[in-house]
Amino acid sequence: EPQRNGDLHHLRQRTVLPFPSRSGLPED
């Protein structure tokens, strides 16, 4: 389910705004 992954990715990015993107984005 790549669509779900993308949604979670976006949600995590927003939740990890004050934190380093790499911390919440293992793909980055």
Protein backbone atom coordinates (compact mmCIF):
# COMPACT_ATOMS: atom_id res chain seq x y z
CA GLU A 1 0.00 0.00 0.00
CA PRO A 2 2.25 2.82 -1.23
CA GLN A 3 -0.61 5.30 -0.89
CA ARG A 4 -0.89 4.66 2.84
CA ASN A 5 2.88 4.95 3.20
CA GLY A 6 2.81 8.32 1.47
CA ASP A 7 0.08 9.57 3.80
CA LEU A 8 1.98 8.43 6.88
CA HIS A 9 5.14 9.98 5.45
CA HIS A 10 3.41 13.36 5.10
CA LEU A 11 1.83 13.09 8.54
CA ARG A 12 5.16 12.23 10.11
CA GLN A 13 6.87 15.10 8.30
CA ARG A 14 4.33 17.53 9.77
CA THR A 15 4.64 15.99 13.23
CA VAL A 16 8.43 16.23 13.03
CA LEU A 17 8.51 19.88 12.02
CA PRO A 18 10.50 21.15 15.04
CA PHE A 19 12.71 18.05 14.86
CA PRO A 20 15.23 17.04 12.17
CA SER A 21 13.45 15.70 9.07
CA ARG A 22 15.85 12.77 8.90
CA SER A 23 14.73 11.69 12.37
CA GLY A 24 11.16 11.19 11.15
CA LEU A 25 12.02 10.37 7.55
CA PRO A 26 14.18 7.25 7.34
CA GLU A 27 13.90 7.41 3.56
CA ASP A 28 15.58 10.80 3.44
